[in-house]
Amino acid sequence: MVMDVRLARIDDRLIHGQVATVWSKATGVERILVVSDEVAHDELRKFLLKQAAPPGIKSNVITKKKMVEIYHDQLFDQLRVMLLFATPQDVLEIVESGVGLKSINIGGMRFLEGKKMVTNFISLNEDDVKCFLKLAEYGIELETRKVPTDRKNDLIQQIQKEKMLP
């Protein structure tokens, strides 16, 4: 037995209104785990993210190393969780360290210099594309939706359409 990951989501805003209410209800999670070394070492951001969790749902901010440790821990067997990541690089690192994910929802990656918009809410650079291609090679579904009621779109198809393949 391992942790019951109901949703693994990349969204650089991490916990915010949409995630907190809509996704937690749709997935029936008990706990939200923000997996980010950067945020785990930022006390103010940790505090703010904990405040943003919906009532009745615990949230924790943990490092990638901690995520790998607790994934196989019997204490967390069948715990219904939502994993939130800021970057595809963080997801790839934990997957390559033994955390089994079947699907990743890509919810929001803001535009920054050097990135290209592939949807109206996702912008990627070359390194992001390489990470997503590697995750796809592992057989992980990469779907883009802001909310559960949106139609699932395949990120790799969108990357191909934008001619961003290496």
N, C-alpha and C. Protein backbone atom coordinates (compact mmCIF):
# COMPACT_ATOMS: atom_id res chain seq x y z
N MET A 1 0.83 -1.20 0.00
CA MET A 1 0.00 0.00 0.00
C MET A 1 0.86 1.25 0.00
N VAL A 2 0.37 2.26 -0.65
CA VAL A 2 1.02 3.56 -0.64
C VAL A 2 -0.04 4.65 -0.51
N MET A 3 0.44 5.85 -0.42
CA MET A 3 -0.41 7.02 -0.34
C MET A 3 -1.38 7.05 -1.53
N ASP A 4 -2.60 7.49 -1.30
CA ASP A 4 -3.61 7.59 -2.35
C ASP A 4 -3.57 9.01 -2.94
N VAL A 5 -2.79 9.18 -4.01
CA VAL A 5 -2.65 10.49 -4.64
C VAL A 5 -3.85 10.68 -5.57
N ARG A 6 -4.78 11.53 -5.15
CA ARG A 6 -6.00 11.76 -5.94
C ARG A 6 -5.75 12.78 -7.05
N LEU A 7 -4.80 13.68 -6.82
CA LEU A 7 -4.48 14.69 -7.83
C LEU A 7 -3.06 15.15 -7.62
N ALA A 8 -2.28 15.14 -8.69
CA ALA A 8 -0.96 15.77 -8.69
C ALA A 8 -1.09 16.93 -9.67
N ARG A 9 -0.80 18.12 -9.21
CA ARG A 9 -1.06 19.32 -10.01
C ARG A 9 0.14 20.25 -10.01
N ILE A 10 0.46 20.77 -11.18
CA ILE A 10 1.48 21.82 -11.28
C ILE A 10 0.74 23.13 -11.45
N ASP A 11 0.97 24.03 -10.52
CA ASP A 11 0.35 25.35 -10.58
C ASP A 11 1.26 26.28 -9.78
N ASP A 12 1.87 27.23 -10.45
CA ASP A 12 2.86 28.05 -9.73
C ASP A 12 2.24 28.94 -8.66
N ARG A 13 0.91 29.01 -8.60
CA ARG A 13 0.26 29.74 -7.51
C ARG A 13 0.06 28.83 -6.29
N LEU A 14 0.23 27.52 -6.48
CA LEU A 14 0.08 26.52 -5.43
C LEU A 14 -1.35 26.52 -4.89
N ILE A 15 -1.56 26.79 -3.59
CA ILE A 15 -2.93 26.77 -3.06
C ILE A 15 -3.56 28.15 -3.30
N HIS A 16 -4.67 28.15 -4.02
CA HIS A 16 -5.43 29.39 -4.21
C HIS A 16 -6.89 29.01 -4.32
N GLY A 17 -7.77 29.98 -4.44
CA GLY A 17 -9.21 29.73 -4.38
C GLY A 17 -9.70 28.54 -5.17
N GLN A 18 -9.31 28.48 -6.45
CA GLN A 18 -9.74 27.41 -7.34
C GLN A 18 -9.33 26.04 -6.81
N VAL A 19 -8.05 25.92 -6.51
CA VAL A 19 -7.52 24.64 -6.03
C VAL A 19 -8.21 24.27 -4.73
N ALA A 20 -8.22 25.22 -3.83
CA ALA A 20 -8.72 24.96 -2.48
C ALA A 20 -10.15 24.46 -2.51
N THR A 21 -11.01 25.09 -3.28
CA THR A 21 -12.42 24.71 -3.22
C THR A 21 -12.77 23.63 -4.24
N VAL A 22 -12.64 23.95 -5.51
CA VAL A 22 -13.14 23.07 -6.56
C VAL A 22 -12.41 21.73 -6.62
N TRP A 23 -11.08 21.77 -6.69
CA TRP A 23 -10.34 20.52 -6.83
C TRP A 23 -10.43 19.64 -5.58
N SER A 24 -10.38 20.24 -4.40
CA SER A 24 -10.43 19.40 -3.19
C SER A 24 -11.79 18.72 -3.06
N LYS A 25 -12.87 19.40 -3.44
CA LYS A 25 -14.19 18.78 -3.41
C LYS A 25 -14.29 17.67 -4.45
N ALA A 26 -13.81 17.95 -5.66
CA ALA A 26 -13.92 16.98 -6.76
C ALA A 26 -13.11 15.72 -6.51
N THR A 27 -12.01 15.85 -5.78
CA THR A 27 -11.13 14.71 -5.58
C THR A 27 -11.32 14.03 -4.22
N GLY A 28 -12.03 14.68 -3.31
CA GLY A 28 -12.28 14.10 -1.99
C GLY A 28 -11.02 13.92 -1.15
N VAL A 29 -10.08 14.87 -1.27
CA VAL A 29 -8.83 14.73 -0.52
C VAL A 29 -9.00 15.13 0.94
N GLU A 30 -8.11 14.56 1.77
CA GLU A 30 -8.07 14.88 3.19
C GLU A 30 -6.94 15.86 3.48
N ARG A 31 -5.94 15.85 2.60
CA ARG A 31 -4.74 16.64 2.87
C ARG A 31 -4.15 17.17 1.57
N ILE A 32 -3.65 18.39 1.63
CA ILE A 32 -2.94 19.00 0.50
C ILE A 32 -1.47 19.08 0.88
N LEU A 33 -0.63 18.49 0.04
CA LEU A 33 0.82 18.57 0.26
C LEU A 33 1.44 19.44 -0.83
N VAL A 34 2.00 20.56 -0.41
CA VAL A 34 2.76 21.40 -1.33
C VAL A 34 4.19 20.88 -1.29
N VAL A 35 4.69 20.43 -2.45
CA VAL A 35 6.02 19.84 -2.52
C VAL A 35 6.96 20.82 -3.21
N SER A 36 7.77 21.52 -2.40
CA SER A 36 8.67 22.54 -2.93
C SER A 36 9.76 22.83 -1.91
N ASP A 37 11.00 22.60 -2.30
CA ASP A 37 12.12 22.92 -1.41
C ASP A 37 12.14 24.42 -1.11
N GLU A 38 11.90 25.22 -2.14
CA GLU A 38 11.95 26.67 -2.00
C GLU A 38 10.91 27.16 -0.99
N VAL A 39 9.67 26.72 -1.14
CA VAL A 39 8.60 27.16 -0.24
C VAL A 39 8.77 26.58 1.16
N ALA A 40 9.27 25.33 1.24
CA ALA A 40 9.46 24.69 2.55
C ALA A 40 10.44 25.46 3.42
N HIS A 41 11.32 26.23 2.80
CA HIS A 41 12.30 27.01 3.56
C HIS A 41 11.91 28.49 3.69
N ASP A 42 10.67 28.82 3.34
CA ASP A 42 10.19 30.19 3.41
C ASP A 42 9.01 30.22 4.39
N GLU A 43 9.29 30.61 5.63
CA GLU A 43 8.27 30.54 6.70
C GLU A 43 7.01 31.35 6.38
N LEU A 44 7.16 32.53 5.79
CA LEU A 44 5.99 33.35 5.49
C LEU A 44 5.11 32.67 4.43
N ARG A 45 5.71 32.19 3.35
CA ARG A 45 4.93 31.51 2.30
C ARG A 45 4.27 30.25 2.86
N LYS A 46 4.98 29.51 3.71
CA LYS A 46 4.40 28.31 4.32
C LYS A 46 3.15 28.69 5.13
N PHE A 47 3.28 29.72 5.95
CA PHE A 47 2.17 30.18 6.78
C PHE A 47 0.98 30.58 5.90
N LEU A 48 1.24 31.36 4.86
CA LEU A 48 0.16 31.84 3.98
C LEU A 48 -0.53 30.69 3.26
N LEU A 49 0.24 29.71 2.81
CA LEU A 49 -0.35 28.56 2.11
C LEU A 49 -1.22 27.73 3.05
N LYS A 50 -0.79 27.60 4.30
CA LYS A 50 -1.61 26.85 5.26
C LYS A 50 -2.94 27.56 5.51
N GLN A 51 -2.90 28.89 5.51
CA GLN A 51 -4.13 29.68 5.72
C GLN A 51 -5.08 29.53 4.54
N ALA A 52 -4.53 29.26 3.35
CA ALA A 52 -5.35 29.20 2.13
C ALA A 52 -6.07 27.87 1.96
N ALA A 53 -5.73 26.88 2.75
CA ALA A 53 -6.38 25.57 2.63
C ALA A 53 -7.85 25.68 3.03
N PRO A 54 -8.72 24.94 2.35
CA PRO A 54 -10.14 25.01 2.70
C PRO A 54 -10.41 24.39 4.08
N PRO A 55 -11.51 24.78 4.73
CA PRO A 55 -11.85 24.24 6.04
C PRO A 55 -11.95 22.72 6.00
N GLY A 56 -11.40 22.07 7.01
CA GLY A 56 -11.50 20.62 7.10
C GLY A 56 -10.42 19.86 6.34
N ILE A 57 -9.57 20.59 5.63
CA ILE A 57 -8.50 19.92 4.89
C ILE A 57 -7.16 20.44 5.41
N LYS A 58 -6.34 19.51 5.87
CA LYS A 58 -5.02 19.90 6.38
C LYS A 58 -4.10 20.16 5.20
N SER A 59 -3.16 21.06 5.39
CA SER A 59 -2.16 21.26 4.35
C SER A 59 -0.78 21.31 4.98
N ASN A 60 0.18 20.82 4.25
CA ASN A 60 1.57 20.83 4.69
C ASN A 60 2.45 21.26 3.52
N VAL A 61 3.54 21.92 3.84
CA VAL A 61 4.53 22.27 2.84
C VAL A 61 5.76 21.43 3.16
N ILE A 62 6.18 20.61 2.21
CA ILE A 62 7.29 19.69 2.47
C ILE A 62 8.33 19.76 1.34
N THR A 63 9.53 19.30 1.66
CA THR A 63 10.59 19.24 0.65
C THR A 63 10.36 18.02 -0.24
N LYS A 64 11.05 18.00 -1.38
CA LYS A 64 10.96 16.84 -2.28
C LYS A 64 11.48 15.59 -1.58
N LYS A 65 12.55 15.73 -0.82
CA LYS A 65 13.14 14.59 -0.10
C LYS A 65 12.12 14.00 0.87
N LYS A 66 11.40 14.87 1.60
CA LYS A 66 10.38 14.44 2.56
C LYS A 66 9.24 13.72 1.83
N MET A 67 8.86 14.22 0.66
CA MET A 67 7.79 13.59 -0.12
C MET A 67 8.16 12.15 -0.46
N VAL A 68 9.39 11.95 -0.90
CA VAL A 68 9.86 10.61 -1.27
C VAL A 68 9.85 9.71 -0.03
N GLU A 69 10.27 10.25 1.12
CA GLU A 69 10.28 9.47 2.38
C GLU A 69 8.88 9.03 2.80
N ILE A 70 7.94 9.96 2.79
CA ILE A 70 6.61 9.63 3.31
C ILE A 70 5.74 8.86 2.33
N TYR A 71 6.08 8.91 1.05
CA TYR A 71 5.26 8.22 0.04
C TYR A 71 5.13 6.73 0.36
N HIS A 72 6.21 6.10 0.80
CA HIS A 72 6.20 4.67 1.09
C HIS A 72 5.96 4.37 2.57
N ASP A 73 5.74 5.40 3.39
CA ASP A 73 5.56 5.20 4.82
C ASP A 73 4.15 4.68 5.10
N GLN A 74 4.07 3.59 5.88
CA GLN A 74 2.77 2.98 6.17
C GLN A 74 1.82 3.93 6.89
N LEU A 75 2.35 4.90 7.60
CA LEU A 75 1.49 5.87 8.29
C LEU A 75 0.60 6.62 7.31
N PHE A 76 1.05 6.73 6.05
CA PHE A 76 0.31 7.51 5.07
C PHE A 76 -0.44 6.63 4.07
N ASP A 77 -0.47 5.30 4.33
CA ASP A 77 -1.22 4.39 3.46
C ASP A 77 -2.65 4.86 3.34
N GLN A 78 -3.13 4.93 2.15
CA GLN A 78 -4.52 5.27 1.84
C GLN A 78 -4.93 6.69 2.23
N LEU A 79 -3.97 7.52 2.67
CA LEU A 79 -4.31 8.92 2.93
C LEU A 79 -4.61 9.57 1.58
N ARG A 80 -5.80 10.19 1.47
CA ARG A 80 -6.22 10.81 0.21
C ARG A 80 -5.60 12.20 0.10
N VAL A 81 -4.63 12.34 -0.81
CA VAL A 81 -3.89 13.60 -0.89
C VAL A 81 -3.94 14.24 -2.27
N MET A 82 -3.74 15.55 -2.25
CA MET A 82 -3.49 16.32 -3.44
C MET A 82 -2.05 16.80 -3.34
N LEU A 83 -1.26 16.55 -4.37
CA LEU A 83 0.12 17.05 -4.40
C LEU A 83 0.15 18.28 -5.29
N LEU A 84 0.73 19.35 -4.77
CA LEU A 84 0.86 20.57 -5.55
C LEU A 84 2.34 20.89 -5.75
N PHE A 85 2.67 21.20 -7.00
CA PHE A 85 4.04 21.53 -7.38
C PHE A 85 4.05 22.86 -8.11
N ALA A 86 5.18 23.57 -8.02
CA ALA A 86 5.31 24.82 -8.77
C ALA A 86 5.93 24.58 -10.14
N THR A 87 6.72 23.50 -10.29
CA THR A 87 7.44 23.28 -11.54
C THR A 87 7.42 21.81 -11.98
N PRO A 88 7.54 21.57 -13.29
CA PRO A 88 7.64 20.18 -13.76
C PRO A 88 8.97 19.54 -13.32
N GLN A 89 9.99 20.35 -13.08
CA GLN A 89 11.29 19.83 -12.63
C GLN A 89 11.13 19.14 -11.28
N ASP A 90 10.34 19.73 -10.37
CA ASP A 90 10.09 19.13 -9.06
C ASP A 90 9.36 17.79 -9.20
N VAL A 91 8.38 17.75 -10.10
CA VAL A 91 7.62 16.51 -10.32
C VAL A 91 8.55 15.41 -10.84
N LEU A 92 9.35 15.75 -11.85
CA LEU A 92 10.25 14.77 -12.44
C LEU A 92 11.21 14.21 -11.39
N GLU A 93 11.71 15.08 -10.53
CA GLU A 93 12.65 14.64 -9.50
C GLU A 93 12.02 13.61 -8.55
N ILE A 94 10.79 13.84 -8.12
CA ILE A 94 10.19 12.88 -7.19
C ILE A 94 9.77 11.59 -7.90
N VAL A 95 9.34 11.70 -9.16
CA VAL A 95 8.98 10.50 -9.93
C VAL A 95 10.22 9.63 -10.10
N GLU A 96 11.34 10.26 -10.43
CA GLU A 96 12.58 9.50 -10.62
C GLU A 96 13.13 8.95 -9.30
N SER A 97 12.60 9.45 -8.18
CA SER A 97 13.01 8.95 -6.86
C SER A 97 12.03 7.91 -6.31
N GLY A 98 11.06 7.50 -7.13
CA GLY A 98 10.20 6.39 -6.73
C GLY A 98 8.77 6.72 -6.35
N VAL A 99 8.33 7.97 -6.52
CA VAL A 99 6.93 8.30 -6.25
C VAL A 99 6.13 8.01 -7.52
N GLY A 100 5.16 7.11 -7.40
CA GLY A 100 4.39 6.69 -8.57
C GLY A 100 3.21 7.62 -8.84
N LEU A 101 3.23 8.26 -10.00
CA LEU A 101 2.11 9.12 -10.40
C LEU A 101 1.58 8.61 -11.74
N LYS A 102 0.26 8.56 -11.87
CA LYS A 102 -0.36 8.10 -13.12
C LYS A 102 -0.71 9.28 -14.02
N SER A 103 -1.02 10.40 -13.39
CA SER A 103 -1.51 11.56 -14.14
C SER A 103 -1.06 12.83 -13.45
N ILE A 104 -0.78 13.84 -14.26
CA ILE A 104 -0.44 15.16 -13.70
C ILE A 104 -1.33 16.19 -14.39
N ASN A 105 -1.97 16.99 -13.57
CA ASN A 105 -2.80 18.08 -14.07
C ASN A 105 -1.92 19.33 -14.10
N ILE A 106 -1.86 19.97 -15.25
CA ILE A 106 -1.08 21.21 -15.36
C ILE A 106 -2.09 22.34 -15.34
N GLY A 107 -2.06 23.10 -14.25
CA GLY A 107 -3.09 24.11 -14.04
C GLY A 107 -2.68 25.52 -14.36
N GLY A 108 -1.45 25.88 -14.08
CA GLY A 108 -1.05 27.25 -14.36
C GLY A 108 0.45 27.43 -14.24
N MET A 109 1.05 27.89 -15.32
CA MET A 109 2.49 28.21 -15.30
C MET A 109 2.61 29.57 -15.99
N ARG A 110 2.85 30.58 -15.17
CA ARG A 110 2.79 31.95 -15.69
C ARG A 110 3.90 32.25 -16.69
N PHE A 111 3.61 33.26 -17.51
CA PHE A 111 4.57 33.68 -18.52
C PHE A 111 5.72 34.43 -17.87
N LEU A 112 6.93 34.02 -18.20
CA LEU A 112 8.14 34.72 -17.78
C LEU A 112 9.03 34.86 -19.01
N GLU A 113 10.00 35.74 -18.94
CA GLU A 113 10.91 35.91 -20.06
C GLU A 113 11.56 34.57 -20.42
N GLY A 114 11.62 34.29 -21.71
CA GLY A 114 12.23 33.04 -22.17
C GLY A 114 11.23 31.90 -22.29
N LYS A 115 9.97 32.16 -21.94
CA LYS A 115 8.94 31.13 -22.04
C LYS A 115 7.98 31.47 -23.17
N LYS A 116 7.30 30.43 -23.66
CA LYS A 116 6.34 30.60 -24.74
C LYS A 116 4.98 30.09 -24.27
N MET A 117 3.95 30.84 -24.56
CA MET A 117 2.59 30.44 -24.18
C MET A 117 2.16 29.24 -25.04
N VAL A 118 1.71 28.17 -24.39
CA VAL A 118 1.17 27.03 -25.14
C VAL A 118 -0.35 26.92 -24.97
N THR A 119 -0.86 27.51 -23.90
CA THR A 119 -2.31 27.68 -23.73
C THR A 119 -2.46 29.07 -23.10
N ASN A 120 -3.70 29.48 -22.83
CA ASN A 120 -3.87 30.81 -22.21
C ASN A 120 -3.46 30.83 -20.74
N PHE A 121 -3.08 29.67 -20.17
CA PHE A 121 -2.65 29.67 -18.77
C PHE A 121 -1.35 28.89 -18.52
N ILE A 122 -0.71 28.43 -19.60
CA ILE A 122 0.54 27.67 -19.44
C ILE A 122 1.60 28.21 -20.39
N SER A 123 2.74 28.60 -19.82
CA SER A 123 3.87 28.99 -20.66
C SER A 123 5.07 28.13 -20.27
N LEU A 124 5.84 27.74 -21.28
CA LEU A 124 6.93 26.79 -21.07
C LEU A 124 8.22 27.28 -21.72
N ASN A 125 9.34 26.85 -21.14
CA ASN A 125 10.63 27.04 -21.79
C ASN A 125 11.15 25.66 -22.20
N GLU A 126 12.32 25.62 -22.80
CA GLU A 126 12.88 24.37 -23.30
C GLU A 126 13.06 23.32 -22.20
N ASP A 127 13.50 23.76 -21.03
CA ASP A 127 13.72 22.84 -19.91
C ASP A 127 12.38 22.23 -19.44
N ASP A 128 11.33 23.06 -19.38
CA ASP A 128 10.00 22.57 -19.01
C ASP A 128 9.55 21.49 -19.99
N VAL A 129 9.72 21.77 -21.29
CA VAL A 129 9.31 20.83 -22.33
C VAL A 129 10.05 19.51 -22.17
N LYS A 130 11.36 19.57 -21.92
CA LYS A 130 12.15 18.34 -21.73
C LYS A 130 11.63 17.53 -20.54
N CYS A 131 11.31 18.22 -19.44
CA CYS A 131 10.76 17.53 -18.26
C CYS A 131 9.44 16.85 -18.58
N PHE A 132 8.56 17.56 -19.28
CA PHE A 132 7.26 16.98 -19.61
C PHE A 132 7.41 15.78 -20.55
N LEU A 133 8.33 15.86 -21.51
CA LEU A 133 8.55 14.73 -22.42
C LEU A 133 9.05 13.51 -21.64
N LYS A 134 9.93 13.74 -20.67
CA LYS A 134 10.46 12.65 -19.85
C LYS A 134 9.34 12.04 -19.02
N LEU A 135 8.48 12.88 -18.43
CA LEU A 135 7.34 12.37 -17.65
C LEU A 135 6.41 11.55 -18.55
N ALA A 136 6.20 12.00 -19.78
CA ALA A 136 5.36 11.27 -20.73
C ALA A 136 5.98 9.91 -21.05
N GLU A 137 7.32 9.86 -21.16
CA GLU A 137 8.02 8.60 -21.41
C GLU A 137 7.76 7.58 -20.29
N TYR A 138 7.55 8.08 -19.08
CA TYR A 138 7.25 7.20 -17.94
C TYR A 138 5.79 6.73 -17.96
N GLY A 139 5.06 7.13 -18.98
CA GLY A 139 3.66 6.71 -19.10
C GLY A 139 2.70 7.53 -18.27
N ILE A 140 3.12 8.71 -17.86
CA ILE A 140 2.27 9.57 -17.04
C ILE A 140 1.42 10.46 -17.95
N GLU A 141 0.11 10.47 -17.68
CA GLU A 141 -0.79 11.34 -18.43
C GLU A 141 -0.50 12.79 -18.04
N LEU A 142 -0.40 13.66 -19.03
CA LEU A 142 -0.16 15.09 -18.77
C LEU A 142 -1.35 15.86 -19.33
N GLU A 143 -2.25 16.24 -18.42
CA GLU A 143 -3.47 16.89 -18.90
C GLU A 143 -3.59 18.31 -18.37
N THR A 144 -4.13 19.18 -19.23
CA THR A 144 -4.25 20.58 -18.86
C THR A 144 -5.73 20.92 -18.64
N ARG A 145 -6.01 21.41 -17.43
CA ARG A 145 -7.35 21.89 -17.08
C ARG A 145 -7.20 22.85 -15.93
N LYS A 146 -7.96 23.92 -15.95
CA LYS A 146 -7.97 24.82 -14.80
C LYS A 146 -8.85 24.23 -13.69
N VAL A 147 -10.01 23.73 -14.08
CA VAL A 147 -10.97 23.18 -13.11
C VAL A 147 -11.44 21.80 -13.60
N PRO A 148 -11.96 20.96 -12.68
CA PRO A 148 -12.34 19.59 -13.04
C PRO A 148 -13.38 19.50 -14.16
N THR A 149 -14.23 20.51 -14.28
CA THR A 149 -15.29 20.45 -15.30
C THR A 149 -14.78 20.81 -16.70
N ASP A 150 -13.58 21.37 -16.81
CA ASP A 150 -13.00 21.65 -18.13
C ASP A 150 -12.68 20.34 -18.83
N ARG A 151 -12.65 20.40 -20.16
CA ARG A 151 -12.27 19.23 -20.94
C ARG A 151 -10.77 19.00 -20.78
N LYS A 152 -10.38 17.73 -20.65
CA LYS A 152 -8.96 17.40 -20.55
C LYS A 152 -8.30 17.62 -21.91
N ASN A 153 -7.15 18.27 -21.90
CA ASN A 153 -6.35 18.39 -23.11
C ASN A 153 -4.98 17.81 -22.83
N ASP A 154 -4.40 17.18 -23.84
CA ASP A 154 -3.09 16.55 -23.70
C ASP A 154 -1.99 17.60 -23.91
N LEU A 155 -1.15 17.78 -22.90
CA LEU A 155 -0.10 18.79 -22.98
C LEU A 155 0.89 18.51 -24.11
N ILE A 156 1.25 17.25 -24.32
CA ILE A 156 2.22 16.92 -25.36
C ILE A 156 1.70 17.33 -26.75
N GLN A 157 0.41 17.12 -26.98
CA GLN A 157 -0.19 17.56 -28.26
C GLN A 157 -0.10 19.08 -28.40
N GLN A 158 -0.30 19.79 -27.29
CA GLN A 158 -0.22 21.25 -27.34
C GLN A 158 1.22 21.71 -27.60
N ILE A 159 2.18 20.99 -27.02
CA ILE A 159 3.60 21.30 -27.24
C ILE A 159 3.95 21.06 -28.72
N GLN A 160 3.45 19.95 -29.28
CA GLN A 160 3.69 19.65 -30.69
C GLN A 160 3.08 20.73 -31.59
N LYS A 161 1.85 21.14 -31.26
CA LYS A 161 1.14 22.15 -32.05
C LYS A 161 1.93 23.48 -32.07
N GLU A 162 2.55 23.79 -30.93
CA GLU A 162 3.33 25.04 -30.83
C GLU A 162 4.76 24.87 -31.36
N LYS A 163 5.05 23.68 -31.91
CA LYS A 163 6.37 23.37 -32.47
C LYS A 163 7.51 23.61 -31.47
N MET A 164 7.29 23.11 -30.24
CA MET A 164 8.28 23.30 -29.18
C MET A 164 9.07 22.03 -28.87
N LEU A 165 8.88 20.99 -29.68
CA LEU A 165 9.65 19.75 -29.42
C LEU A 165 11.12 19.99 -29.71
N PRO A 166 12.00 19.43 -28.85
CA PRO A 166 13.45 19.65 -29.07
C PRO A 166 13.95 18.97 -30.35
